[in-house]
Amino acid sequence: MGSETASGTSAPDPKHAVRATRSAGRKMRSLLLDAASRLFKERGLSGTSISDIAAAADAFPSQITYYFRTKEALFVEAASRDMLYLARATEQAALKAHTPREYTRALAETVTATDTVAFFAEALTLTRRRQDLAPLVERTIERLHSEGARAYAGQVERHGWRSLRAPEESSRRFWAIAIGVIVEGFAMGRGAEEMCRELLRALGEQATSTPAADTTRLRLVSDHSTSTDGETSS
């Protein structure tokens, strides 16, 4: 309950006021990131001003500098957020796969269908000149790797596939190849389908449908049957 003022009315709960302020702040940051993402993708960093972003978000330029300090910091955060959203969408698309090949195709089709990876690659390049922005990119990449490994390991266990590599290695390899193929594709003016084909070719097989345990079990059954029938050679 709120405390009473001198006039006898209840004053707002200070904790509630803080929560409301934080909620409003998160909403404003989200609106600014949404607007910035769209404009940066359309016009690039140099072609987009802080005033443009503020107008698109129905905000004041001072709110951008309050929440993000600089346009470059906003660019990197917008690109990093979009990349994590894409990773989540990729994971959701791959959940529908029933074979390793379908799984890899779902990943490739999803990441090549948008310009998000190219947007993030620009943020990577920007941090070379702005090392103060590198920690955000590093955290984003680590989340891509860890969440990708978790999702892939879950699919392998769920379907009983035999992975050709450890989940962590598979996740890191996927994103490294995907970023390279897509950046090259955008530079060469390639379409999504062509980039998808190239990505699938570069990735190759990631797993097989027959788990390693099945091979072991079949061999043991075969050995046991041979021994029981007395047909083994000494």
C-alpha atoms as a PDB file:
ATOM      1  CA  MET A   1       0.000   0.000   0.000  1.00  0.00           C
ATOM      2  CA  GLY A   2       1.082   3.590  -0.590  1.00  0.00           C
ATOM      3  CA  SER A   3       1.919   5.939   2.272  1.00  0.00           C
ATOM      4  CA  GLU A   4      -0.460   8.784   3.206  1.00  0.00           C
ATOM      5  CA  THR A   5       0.345  12.385   2.352  1.00  0.00           C
ATOM      6  CA  ALA A   6      -0.362  15.354   4.635  1.00  0.00           C
ATOM      7  CA  SER A   7      -3.719  15.819   2.924  1.00  0.00           C
ATOM      8  CA  GLY A   8      -4.736  12.271   3.792  1.00  0.00           C
ATOM      9  CA  THR A   9      -4.509  10.860   0.272  1.00  0.00           C
ATOM     10  CA  SER A  10      -2.399   7.809  -0.519  1.00  0.00           C
ATOM     11  CA  ALA A  11       0.943   8.527  -2.162  1.00  0.00           C
ATOM     12  CA  PRO A  12       2.152   6.193  -4.902  1.00  0.00           C
ATOM     13  CA  ASP A  13       4.201   3.227  -3.741  1.00  0.00           C
ATOM     14  CA  PRO A  14       7.855   4.168  -4.431  1.00  0.00           C
ATOM     15  CA  LYS A  15       8.649   0.598  -5.544  1.00  0.00           C
ATOM     16  CA  HIS A  16       5.707   0.638  -7.939  1.00  0.00           C
ATOM     17  CA  ALA A  17       6.930   3.946  -9.365  1.00  0.00           C
ATOM     18  CA  VAL A  18      10.380   2.477  -9.933  1.00  0.00           C
ATOM     19  CA  ARG A  19       8.911  -0.579 -11.668  1.00  0.00           C
ATOM     20  CA  ALA A  20       6.744   1.625 -13.874  1.00  0.00           C
ATOM     21  CA  THR A  21       9.741   3.773 -14.791  1.00  0.00           C
ATOM     22  CA  ARG A  22      11.816   0.721 -15.663  1.00  0.00           C
ATOM     23  CA  SER A  23       8.991  -0.738 -17.730  1.00  0.00           C
ATOM     24  CA  ALA A  24       8.613   2.524 -19.640  1.00  0.00           C
ATOM     25  CA  GLY A  25      12.365   2.619 -20.170  1.00  0.00           C
ATOM     26  CA  ARG A  26      12.446  -0.913 -21.572  1.00  0.00           C
ATOM     27  CA  LYS A  27       9.560  -0.082 -23.898  1.00  0.00           C
ATOM     28  CA  MET A  28      11.277   3.057 -25.176  1.00  0.00           C
ATOM     29  CA  ARG A  29      14.565   1.205 -25.745  1.00  0.00           C
ATOM     30  CA  SER A  30      12.686  -1.457 -27.696  1.00  0.00           C
ATOM     31  CA  LEU A  31      10.938   1.154 -29.851  1.00  0.00           C
ATOM     32  CA  LEU A  32      14.235   2.885 -30.587  1.00  0.00           C
ATOM     33  CA  LEU A  33      15.906  -0.413 -31.486  1.00  0.00           C
ATOM     34  CA  ASP A  34      13.018  -1.354 -33.783  1.00  0.00           C
ATOM     35  CA  ALA A  35      13.205   1.963 -35.608  1.00  0.00           C
ATOM     36  CA  ALA A  36      16.995   1.925 -35.763  1.00  0.00           C
ATOM     37  CA  SER A  37      17.125  -1.619 -37.125  1.00  0.00           C
ATOM     38  CA  ARG A  38      14.761  -0.787 -39.969  1.00  0.00           C
ATOM     39  CA  LEU A  39      16.495   2.467 -40.913  1.00  0.00           C
ATOM     40  CA  PHE A  40      20.035   1.121 -40.623  1.00  0.00           C
ATOM     41  CA  LYS A  41      19.156  -1.782 -42.912  1.00  0.00           C
ATOM     42  CA  GLU A  42      17.568   0.567 -45.435  1.00  0.00           C
ATOM     43  CA  ARG A  43      20.096   3.409 -45.374  1.00  0.00           C
ATOM     44  CA  GLY A  44      23.207   2.188 -43.603  1.00  0.00           C
ATOM     45  CA  LEU A  45      24.983   3.787 -40.659  1.00  0.00           C
ATOM     46  CA  SER A  46      26.151   6.922 -42.440  1.00  0.00           C
ATOM     47  CA  GLY A  47      22.796   7.467 -44.149  1.00  0.00           C
ATOM     48  CA  THR A  48      20.813   7.394 -40.923  1.00  0.00           C
ATOM     49  CA  SER A  49      20.797  10.223 -38.396  1.00  0.00           C
ATOM     50  CA  ILE A  50      19.821  10.217 -34.761  1.00  0.00           C
ATOM     51  CA  SER A  51      16.988  12.591 -35.646  1.00  0.00           C
ATOM     52  CA  ASP A  52      15.698  10.114 -38.255  1.00  0.00           C
ATOM     53  CA  ILE A  53      15.594   7.314 -35.700  1.00  0.00           C
ATOM     54  CA  ALA A  54      13.947   9.496 -33.061  1.00  0.00           C
ATOM     55  CA  ALA A  55      11.252  10.595 -35.515  1.00  0.00           C
ATOM     56  CA  ALA A  56      10.576   7.003 -36.591  1.00  0.00           C
ATOM     57  CA  ALA A  57      10.208   5.943 -32.946  1.00  0.00           C
ATOM     58  CA  ASP A  58       8.147   9.015 -31.990  1.00  0.00           C
ATOM     59  CA  ALA A  59      10.871   9.925 -29.515  1.00  0.00           C
ATOM     60  CA  PHE A  60      13.338  12.749 -28.854  1.00  0.00           C
ATOM     61  CA  PRO A  61      16.966  12.623 -30.046  1.00  0.00           C
ATOM     62  CA  SER A  62      18.048  13.121 -26.446  1.00  0.00           C
ATOM     63  CA  GLN A  63      16.414   9.805 -25.539  1.00  0.00           C
ATOM     64  CA  ILE A  64      18.718   8.004 -27.966  1.00  0.00           C
ATOM     65  CA  THR A  65      21.815   9.518 -26.408  1.00  0.00           C
ATOM     66  CA  TYR A  66      20.385   8.798 -22.934  1.00  0.00           C
ATOM     67  CA  TYR A  67      19.835   5.076 -23.608  1.00  0.00           C
ATOM     68  CA  PHE A  68      22.634   4.341 -26.101  1.00  0.00           C
ATOM     69  CA  ARG A  69      25.121   7.254 -25.884  1.00  0.00           C
ATOM     70  CA  THR A  70      26.073   7.186 -29.584  1.00  0.00           C
ATOM     71  CA  LYS A  71      24.623   6.223 -32.941  1.00  0.00           C
ATOM     72  CA  GLU A  72      27.364   3.608 -33.350  1.00  0.00           C
ATOM     73  CA  ALA A  73      26.448   1.945 -30.045  1.00  0.00           C
ATOM     74  CA  LEU A  74      22.804   1.869 -31.126  1.00  0.00           C
ATOM     75  CA  PHE A  75      23.832   0.300 -34.447  1.00  0.00           C
ATOM     76  CA  VAL A  76      25.764  -2.495 -32.754  1.00  0.00           C
ATOM     77  CA  GLU A  77      23.020  -3.201 -30.220  1.00  0.00           C
ATOM     78  CA  ALA A  78      20.317  -3.246 -32.907  1.00  0.00           C
ATOM     79  CA  ALA A  79      22.352  -5.629 -35.070  1.00  0.00           C
ATOM     80  CA  SER A  80      23.135  -7.877 -32.108  1.00  0.00           C
ATOM     81  CA  ARG A  81      19.503  -8.028 -31.021  1.00  0.00           C
ATOM     82  CA  ASP A  82      18.366  -8.850 -34.561  1.00  0.00           C
ATOM     83  CA  MET A  83      20.962 -11.625 -34.749  1.00  0.00           C
ATOM     84  CA  LEU A  84      19.667 -13.240 -31.562  1.00  0.00           C
ATOM     85  CA  TYR A  85      16.098 -12.971 -32.855  1.00  0.00           C
ATOM     86  CA  LEU A  86      17.211 -14.696 -36.055  1.00  0.00           C
ATOM     87  CA  ALA A  87      18.923 -17.443 -34.071  1.00  0.00           C
ATOM     88  CA  ARG A  88      15.689 -18.059 -32.187  1.00  0.00           C
ATOM     89  CA  ALA A  89      13.682 -18.190 -35.423  1.00  0.00           C
ATOM     90  CA  THR A  90      16.242 -20.567 -36.910  1.00  0.00           C
ATOM     91  CA  GLU A  91      15.970 -22.841 -33.901  1.00  0.00           C
ATOM     92  CA  GLN A  92      12.172 -22.858 -34.137  1.00  0.00           C
ATOM     93  CA  ALA A  93      12.250 -23.667 -37.862  1.00  0.00           C
ATOM     94  CA  ALA A  94      14.654 -26.556 -37.293  1.00  0.00           C
ATOM     95  CA  LEU A  95      12.398 -28.124 -34.655  1.00  0.00           C
ATOM     96  CA  LYS A  96      10.156 -29.364 -37.478  1.00  0.00           C
ATOM     97  CA  ALA A  97      12.979 -31.423 -39.023  1.00  0.00           C
ATOM     98  CA  HIS A  98      12.911 -35.214 -38.770  1.00  0.00           C
ATOM     99  CA  THR A  99      16.249 -35.993 -40.412  1.00  0.00           C
ATOM    100  CA  PRO A 100      19.713 -34.414 -40.162  1.00  0.00           C
ATOM    101  CA  ARG A 101      19.440 -33.225 -43.765  1.00  0.00           C
ATOM    102  CA  GLU A 102      16.089 -31.548 -43.118  1.00  0.00           C
ATOM    103  CA  TYR A 103      17.569 -29.960 -39.995  1.00  0.00           C
ATOM    104  CA  THR A 104      20.521 -28.450 -41.866  1.00  0.00           C
ATOM    105  CA  ARG A 105      18.280 -27.233 -44.688  1.00  0.00           C
ATOM    106  CA  ALA A 106      15.922 -25.529 -42.226  1.00  0.00           C
ATOM    107  CA  LEU A 107      18.872 -23.709 -40.655  1.00  0.00           C
ATOM    108  CA  ALA A 108      20.270 -22.627 -44.019  1.00  0.00           C
ATOM    109  CA  GLU A 109      16.953 -21.469 -45.451  1.00  0.00           C
ATOM    110  CA  THR A 110      16.132 -19.395 -42.387  1.00  0.00           C
ATOM    111  CA  VAL A 111      19.447 -17.564 -42.044  1.00  0.00           C
ATOM    112  CA  THR A 112      19.706 -16.758 -45.760  1.00  0.00           C
ATOM    113  CA  ALA A 113      16.118 -15.482 -46.049  1.00  0.00           C
ATOM    114  CA  THR A 114      16.883 -12.128 -44.379  1.00  0.00           C
ATOM    115  CA  ASP A 115      19.630  -9.503 -44.349  1.00  0.00           C
ATOM    116  CA  THR A 116      20.169  -9.878 -40.596  1.00  0.00           C
ATOM    117  CA  VAL A 117      23.497 -11.698 -40.853  1.00  0.00           C
ATOM    118  CA  ALA A 118      24.877  -9.035 -43.217  1.00  0.00           C
ATOM    119  CA  PHE A 119      23.653  -6.347 -40.786  1.00  0.00           C
ATOM    120  CA  PHE A 120      25.465  -8.087 -37.935  1.00  0.00           C
ATOM    121  CA  ALA A 121      28.611  -8.424 -40.045  1.00  0.00           C
ATOM    122  CA  GLU A 122      28.639  -4.624 -40.392  1.00  0.00           C
ATOM    123  CA  ALA A 123      28.529  -4.387 -36.612  1.00  0.00           C
ATOM    124  CA  LEU A 124      31.500  -6.750 -36.420  1.00  0.00           C
ATOM    125  CA  THR A 125      33.447  -4.490 -38.759  1.00  0.00           C
ATOM    126  CA  LEU A 126      32.481  -1.401 -36.784  1.00  0.00           C
ATOM    127  CA  THR A 127      33.885  -2.824 -33.537  1.00  0.00           C
ATOM    128  CA  ARG A 128      37.326  -3.035 -35.144  1.00  0.00           C
ATOM    129  CA  ARG A 129      37.424   0.759 -34.919  1.00  0.00           C
ATOM    130  CA  ARG A 130      35.331   1.003 -31.756  1.00  0.00           C
ATOM    131  CA  GLN A 131      36.728  -1.488 -29.269  1.00  0.00           C
ATOM    132  CA  ASP A 132      34.442  -0.113 -26.561  1.00  0.00           C
ATOM    133  CA  LEU A 133      31.565  -1.781 -28.450  1.00  0.00           C
ATOM    134  CA  ALA A 134      33.302  -5.163 -28.791  1.00  0.00           C
ATOM    135  CA  PRO A 135      31.986  -6.690 -25.513  1.00  0.00           C
ATOM    136  CA  LEU A 136      28.381  -6.582 -26.757  1.00  0.00           C
ATOM    137  CA  VAL A 137      29.347  -8.361 -29.967  1.00  0.00           C
ATOM    138  CA  GLU A 138      31.379 -10.920 -28.028  1.00  0.00           C
ATOM    139  CA  ARG A 139      28.424 -11.683 -25.754  1.00  0.00           C
ATOM    140  CA  THR A 140      26.148 -12.014 -28.776  1.00  0.00           C
ATOM    141  CA  ILE A 141      28.483 -14.472 -30.490  1.00  0.00           C
ATOM    142  CA  GLU A 142      28.826 -16.539 -27.330  1.00  0.00           C
ATOM    143  CA  ARG A 143      25.042 -16.720 -27.028  1.00  0.00           C
ATOM    144  CA  LEU A 144      24.776 -17.805 -30.653  1.00  0.00           C
ATOM    145  CA  HIS A 145      27.239 -20.611 -29.987  1.00  0.00           C
ATOM    146  CA  SER A 146      25.851 -21.758 -26.644  1.00  0.00           C
ATOM    147  CA  GLU A 147      22.179 -21.643 -27.631  1.00  0.00           C
ATOM    148  CA  GLY A 148      22.923 -23.248 -30.982  1.00  0.00           C
ATOM    149  CA  ALA A 149      24.809 -26.057 -29.269  1.00  0.00           C
ATOM    150  CA  ARG A 150      21.952 -26.590 -26.815  1.00  0.00           C
ATOM    151  CA  ALA A 151      19.339 -26.701 -29.588  1.00  0.00           C
ATOM    152  CA  TYR A 152      21.408 -29.057 -31.747  1.00  0.00           C
ATOM    153  CA  ALA A 153      22.187 -31.399 -28.849  1.00  0.00           C
ATOM    154  CA  GLY A 154      18.469 -31.533 -28.044  1.00  0.00           C
ATOM    155  CA  GLN A 155      17.593 -32.519 -31.602  1.00  0.00           C
ATOM    156  CA  VAL A 156      20.302 -35.192 -31.720  1.00  0.00           C
ATOM    157  CA  GLU A 157      19.061 -36.692 -28.474  1.00  0.00           C
ATOM    158  CA  ARG A 158      15.403 -36.395 -29.454  1.00  0.00           C
ATOM    159  CA  HIS A 159      15.810 -38.201 -32.783  1.00  0.00           C
ATOM    160  CA  GLY A 160      18.679 -40.506 -31.880  1.00  0.00           C
ATOM    161  CA  TRP A 161      20.990 -39.119 -34.563  1.00  0.00           C
ATOM    162  CA  ARG A 162      24.741 -39.668 -34.576  1.00  0.00           C
ATOM    163  CA  SER A 163      26.435 -36.271 -34.700  1.00  0.00           C
ATOM    164  CA  LEU A 164      29.687 -36.078 -36.638  1.00  0.00           C
ATOM    165  CA  ARG A 165      30.959 -33.384 -34.267  1.00  0.00           C
ATOM    166  CA  ALA A 166      30.395 -32.215 -30.719  1.00  0.00           C
ATOM    167  CA  PRO A 167      27.392 -29.840 -30.431  1.00  0.00           C
ATOM    168  CA  GLU A 168      29.610 -26.896 -29.472  1.00  0.00           C
ATOM    169  CA  GLU A 169      31.836 -27.468 -32.495  1.00  0.00           C
ATOM    170  CA  SER A 170      28.835 -27.891 -34.792  1.00  0.00           C
ATOM    171  CA  SER A 171      27.287 -24.627 -33.600  1.00  0.00           C
ATOM    172  CA  ARG A 172      30.483 -22.595 -33.955  1.00  0.00           C
ATOM    173  CA  ARG A 173      31.164 -24.114 -37.368  1.00  0.00           C
ATOM    174  CA  PHE A 174      27.639 -23.374 -38.581  1.00  0.00           C
ATOM    175  CA  TRP A 175      27.703 -19.702 -37.651  1.00  0.00           C
ATOM    176  CA  ALA A 176      31.244 -19.151 -38.940  1.00  0.00           C
ATOM    177  CA  ILE A 177      30.361 -20.645 -42.323  1.00  0.00           C
ATOM    178  CA  ALA A 178      26.953 -18.940 -42.466  1.00  0.00           C
ATOM    179  CA  ILE A 179      28.397 -15.483 -41.816  1.00  0.00           C
ATOM    180  CA  GLY A 180      31.119 -16.012 -44.423  1.00  0.00           C
ATOM    181  CA  VAL A 181      28.760 -17.325 -47.105  1.00  0.00           C
ATOM    182  CA  ILE A 182      26.141 -14.628 -46.548  1.00  0.00           C
ATOM    183  CA  VAL A 183      28.593 -11.705 -46.436  1.00  0.00           C
ATOM    184  CA  GLU A 184      30.172 -12.951 -49.658  1.00  0.00           C
ATOM    185  CA  GLY A 185      26.719 -13.487 -51.162  1.00  0.00           C
ATOM    186  CA  PHE A 186      25.578  -9.945 -50.451  1.00  0.00           C
ATOM    187  CA  ALA A 187      28.852  -8.564 -51.795  1.00  0.00           C
ATOM    188  CA  MET A 188      28.368 -10.540 -55.019  1.00  0.00           C
ATOM    189  CA  GLY A 189      24.681  -9.686 -55.339  1.00  0.00           C
ATOM    190  CA  ARG A 190      23.503 -13.279 -54.902  1.00  0.00           C
ATOM    191  CA  GLY A 191      19.919 -14.136 -54.023  1.00  0.00           C
ATOM    192  CA  ALA A 192      18.704 -16.070 -51.007  1.00  0.00           C
ATOM    193  CA  GLU A 193      18.320 -19.355 -52.888  1.00  0.00           C
ATOM    194  CA  GLU A 194      21.839 -19.224 -54.275  1.00  0.00           C
ATOM    195  CA  MET A 195      23.281 -18.392 -50.863  1.00  0.00           C
ATOM    196  CA  CYS A 196      21.278 -21.223 -49.322  1.00  0.00           C
ATOM    197  CA  ARG A 197      22.673 -23.725 -51.836  1.00  0.00           C
ATOM    198  CA  GLU A 198      26.218 -22.532 -51.217  1.00  0.00           C
ATOM    199  CA  LEU A 199      25.735 -22.714 -47.446  1.00  0.00           C
ATOM    200  CA  LEU A 200      24.404 -26.272 -47.667  1.00  0.00           C
ATOM    201  CA  ARG A 201      27.343 -27.265 -49.855  1.00  0.00           C
ATOM    202  CA  ALA A 202      29.852 -25.739 -47.434  1.00  0.00           C
ATOM    203  CA  LEU A 203      28.231 -27.297 -44.359  1.00  0.00           C
ATOM    204  CA  GLY A 204      27.980 -30.823 -45.764  1.00  0.00           C
ATOM    205  CA  GLU A 205      26.684 -33.559 -43.483  1.00  0.00           C
ATOM    206  CA  GLN A 206      26.377 -32.678 -39.802  1.00  0.00           C
ATOM    207  CA  ALA A 207      24.893 -35.930 -38.529  1.00  0.00           C
ATOM    208  CA  THR A 208      23.526 -39.271 -39.657  1.00  0.00           C
ATOM    209  CA  SER A 209      20.147 -40.778 -38.898  1.00  0.00           C
ATOM    210  CA  THR A 210      21.631 -44.010 -37.528  1.00  0.00           C
ATOM    211  CA  PRO A 211      22.940 -43.513 -34.008  1.00  0.00           C
ATOM    212  CA  ALA A 212      26.252 -45.036 -33.033  1.00  0.00           C
ATOM    213  CA  ALA A 213      24.499 -47.133 -30.359  1.00  0.00           C
ATOM    214  CA  ASP A 214      22.554 -49.001 -33.038  1.00  0.00           C
ATOM    215  CA  THR A 215      25.735 -50.146 -34.752  1.00  0.00           C
ATOM    216  CA  THR A 216      27.130 -51.384 -31.449  1.00  0.00           C
ATOM    217  CA  ARG A 217      23.907 -53.150 -30.572  1.00  0.00           C
ATOM    218  CA  LEU A 218      23.740 -54.892 -33.955  1.00  0.00           C
ATOM    219  CA  ARG A 219      27.328 -56.065 -33.627  1.00  0.00           C
ATOM    220  CA  LEU A 220      26.724 -57.421 -30.146  1.00  0.00           C
ATOM    221  CA  VAL A 221      23.568 -59.230 -31.251  1.00  0.00           C
ATOM    222  CA  SER A 222      25.442 -60.704 -34.201  1.00  0.00           C
ATOM    223  CA  ASP A 223      28.333 -61.861 -32.020  1.00  0.00           C
ATOM    224  CA  HIS A 224      25.967 -63.387 -29.479  1.00  0.00           C
ATOM    225  CA  SER A 225      24.031 -65.286 -32.154  1.00  0.00           C
ATOM    226  CA  THR A 226      27.214 -66.618 -33.693  1.00  0.00           C
ATOM    227  CA  SER A 227      28.524 -67.793 -30.341  1.00  0.00           C
ATOM    228  CA  THR A 228      25.244 -69.479 -29.436  1.00  0.00           C
ATOM    229  CA  ASP A 229      25.096 -71.357 -32.725  1.00  0.00           C
ATOM    230  CA  GLY A 230      28.636 -72.606 -32.246  1.00  0.00           C
ATOM    231  CA  GLU A 231      29.764 -71.261 -35.623  1.00  0.00           C
ATOM    232  CA  THR A 232      32.657 -69.128 -34.489  1.00  0.00           C
ATOM    233  CA  SER A 233      36.095 -69.954 -35.732  1.00  0.00           C
ATOM    234  CA  SER A 234      38.934 -70.374 -33.275  1.00  0.00           C
END
